[in-house]
Amino acid sequence: MAEFKIPTIFDVGSMTVTVVHSDEMDDNFGEFKYSKAQVSLAEGLCPDLLLETFFHEAVEAANLIYELELPHAKIQILGAAIAQIIKSSR
C-alpha cells in the first residue's frame, strides 16, 4: 500500500476540520478543538504513532460533532483499529 498522507483538512458531516502540526502539545500526541474545528498533532511523532493519533482525533471529532458519547477507551480502540486497517490495506 502507498503511504497514507495525513490530510490538511477533512469533513465530518457539514463541519470542515483543519489539521495542524504543533510543537506546543505538552504531553499530548494530539487533540481536537471543537470550537476551532481543528485537530492538532504533535511534531516529531514516528509515522505509525502519527497515523494512529490522526485517526484517534478524527474519531474524537466525530464523537463530539455527532454527539455519540463514546467513552475515551472506545475512541482509543477505534483510532488504533482504523490506523491498522489503513496501514495493512493492500
C-alpha atoms as a PDB file:
ATOM      1  CA  MET A   1       0.000   0.000   0.000  1.00  0.00           C
ATOM      2  CA  ALA A   2       1.151   3.528  -0.669  1.00  0.00           C
ATOM      3  CA  GLU A   3       1.904   5.510   2.461  1.00  0.00           C
ATOM      4  CA  PHE A   4      -1.149   7.284   3.890  1.00  0.00           C
ATOM      5  CA  LYS A   5      -0.740  11.054   3.801  1.00  0.00           C
ATOM      6  CA  ILE A   6      -2.178  12.914   6.776  1.00  0.00           C
ATOM      7  CA  PRO A   7      -4.652  15.408   5.285  1.00  0.00           C
ATOM      8  CA  THR A   8      -4.675  19.130   5.995  1.00  0.00           C
ATOM      9  CA  ILE A   9      -8.490  19.195   6.038  1.00  0.00           C
ATOM     10  CA  PHE A  10     -11.287  16.632   6.273  1.00  0.00           C
ATOM     11  CA  ASP A  11     -15.044  16.796   6.691  1.00  0.00           C
ATOM     12  CA  VAL A  12     -17.170  15.339   9.450  1.00  0.00           C
ATOM     13  CA  GLY A  13     -20.755  15.892   8.444  1.00  0.00           C
ATOM     14  CA  SER A  14     -21.111  19.535   7.493  1.00  0.00           C
ATOM     15  CA  MET A  15     -18.054  20.608   9.527  1.00  0.00           C
ATOM     16  CA  THR A  16     -14.697  21.069   7.822  1.00  0.00           C
ATOM     17  CA  VAL A  17     -11.890  20.202  10.208  1.00  0.00           C
ATOM     18  CA  THR A  18      -8.371  21.547   9.703  1.00  0.00           C
ATOM     19  CA  VAL A  19      -5.273  19.596  10.707  1.00  0.00           C
ATOM     20  CA  VAL A  20      -2.178  21.341  12.037  1.00  0.00           C
ATOM     21  CA  HIS A  21       1.130  20.108  13.412  1.00  0.00           C
ATOM     22  CA  SER A  22       2.247  21.745  16.629  1.00  0.00           C
ATOM     23  CA  ASP A  23       5.324  21.719  18.845  1.00  0.00           C
ATOM     24  CA  GLU A  24       3.227  23.060  21.761  1.00  0.00           C
ATOM     25  CA  MET A  25       1.351  19.873  22.694  1.00  0.00           C
ATOM     26  CA  ASP A  26       2.847  19.333  26.184  1.00  0.00           C
ATOM     27  CA  ASP A  27       2.464  15.598  26.846  1.00  0.00           C
ATOM     28  CA  ASN A  28      -0.371  15.058  24.348  1.00  0.00           C
ATOM     29  CA  PHE A  29       0.130  13.444  20.957  1.00  0.00           C
ATOM     30  CA  GLY A  30      -2.959  15.183  19.575  1.00  0.00           C
ATOM     31  CA  GLU A  31      -6.167  16.997  20.380  1.00  0.00           C
ATOM     32  CA  PHE A  32      -9.422  18.058  18.735  1.00  0.00           C
ATOM     33  CA  LYS A  33     -10.778  21.529  19.474  1.00  0.00           C
ATOM     34  CA  TYR A  34     -14.457  21.678  18.590  1.00  0.00           C
ATOM     35  CA  SER A  35     -14.622  25.483  18.874  1.00  0.00           C
ATOM     36  CA  LYS A  36     -11.898  25.830  16.224  1.00  0.00           C
ATOM     37  CA  ALA A  37     -12.837  22.711  14.199  1.00  0.00           C
ATOM     38  CA  GLN A  38      -9.156  21.813  14.426  1.00  0.00           C
ATOM     39  CA  VAL A  39      -7.071  18.723  15.040  1.00  0.00           C
ATOM     40  CA  SER A  40      -3.574  19.421  16.364  1.00  0.00           C
ATOM     41  CA  LEU A  41      -0.917  16.726  16.051  1.00  0.00           C
ATOM     42  CA  ALA A  42       2.375  16.784  17.927  1.00  0.00           C
ATOM     43  CA  GLU A  43       5.509  17.405  15.889  1.00  0.00           C
ATOM     44  CA  GLY A  44       8.081  14.633  15.753  1.00  0.00           C
ATOM     45  CA  LEU A  45       5.831  11.589  16.133  1.00  0.00           C
ATOM     46  CA  CYS A  46       7.018   8.450  14.345  1.00  0.00           C
ATOM     47  CA  PRO A  47       4.889   7.596  11.266  1.00  0.00           C
ATOM     48  CA  ASP A  48       2.946   4.794  12.990  1.00  0.00           C
ATOM     49  CA  LEU A  49       2.104   6.926  16.014  1.00  0.00           C
ATOM     50  CA  LEU A  50       1.197   9.889  13.807  1.00  0.00           C
ATOM     51  CA  LEU A  51      -1.233   7.721  11.806  1.00  0.00           C
ATOM     52  CA  GLU A  52      -2.857   6.296  14.929  1.00  0.00           C
ATOM     53  CA  THR A  53      -3.080   9.718  16.570  1.00  0.00           C
ATOM     54  CA  PHE A  54      -4.678  11.259  13.473  1.00  0.00           C
ATOM     55  CA  PHE A  55      -7.407   8.620  13.386  1.00  0.00           C
ATOM     56  CA  HIS A  56      -7.900   8.858  17.149  1.00  0.00           C
ATOM     57  CA  GLU A  57      -8.515  12.600  16.818  1.00  0.00           C
ATOM     58  CA  ALA A  58     -10.771  12.092  13.767  1.00  0.00           C
ATOM     59  CA  VAL A  59     -12.901   9.711  15.879  1.00  0.00           C
ATOM     60  CA  GLU A  60     -12.854  12.308  18.698  1.00  0.00           C
ATOM     61  CA  ALA A  61     -14.194  14.861  16.196  1.00  0.00           C
ATOM     62  CA  ALA A  62     -16.987  12.538  15.035  1.00  0.00           C
ATOM     63  CA  ASN A  63     -17.808  11.698  18.656  1.00  0.00           C
ATOM     64  CA  LEU A  64     -18.331  15.364  19.538  1.00  0.00           C
ATOM     65  CA  ILE A  65     -19.940  16.513  16.292  1.00  0.00           C
ATOM     66  CA  TYR A  66     -22.442  13.644  16.189  1.00  0.00           C
ATOM     67  CA  GLU A  67     -22.895  13.564  19.999  1.00  0.00           C
ATOM     68  CA  LEU A  68     -22.075   9.841  20.098  1.00  0.00           C
ATOM     69  CA  GLU A  69     -20.976   9.948  23.756  1.00  0.00           C
ATOM     70  CA  LEU A  70     -18.336   7.257  23.214  1.00  0.00           C
ATOM     71  CA  PRO A  71     -16.050   6.754  26.213  1.00  0.00           C
ATOM     72  CA  HIS A  72     -12.399   7.608  25.649  1.00  0.00           C
ATOM     73  CA  ALA A  73     -11.364   3.940  25.862  1.00  0.00           C
ATOM     74  CA  LYS A  74     -13.599   3.133  22.865  1.00  0.00           C
ATOM     75  CA  ILE A  75     -12.202   6.105  20.928  1.00  0.00           C
ATOM     76  CA  GLN A  76      -8.680   4.846  21.633  1.00  0.00           C
ATOM     77  CA  ILE A  77      -9.566   1.393  20.299  1.00  0.00           C
ATOM     78  CA  LEU A  78     -11.321   2.748  17.204  1.00  0.00           C
ATOM     79  CA  GLY A  79      -8.406   5.056  16.348  1.00  0.00           C
ATOM     80  CA  ALA A  80      -5.932   2.188  16.616  1.00  0.00           C
ATOM     81  CA  ALA A  81      -8.178  -0.182  14.654  1.00  0.00           C
ATOM     82  CA  ILE A  82      -8.732   2.265  11.792  1.00  0.00           C
ATOM     83  CA  ALA A  83      -4.993   3.013  11.622  1.00  0.00           C
ATOM     84  CA  GLN A  84      -4.255  -0.730  11.432  1.00  0.00           C
ATOM     85  CA  ILE A  85      -6.839  -1.249   8.675  1.00  0.00           C
ATOM     86  CA  ILE A  86      -5.399   1.614   6.615  1.00  0.00           C
ATOM     87  CA  LYS A  87      -1.799   0.572   7.246  1.00  0.00           C
ATOM     88  CA  SER A  88      -2.351  -3.076   6.325  1.00  0.00           C
ATOM     89  CA  SER A  89      -4.567  -2.476   3.268  1.00  0.00           C
ATOM     90  CA  ARG A  90      -3.212  -3.879   0.034  1.00  0.00           C
END
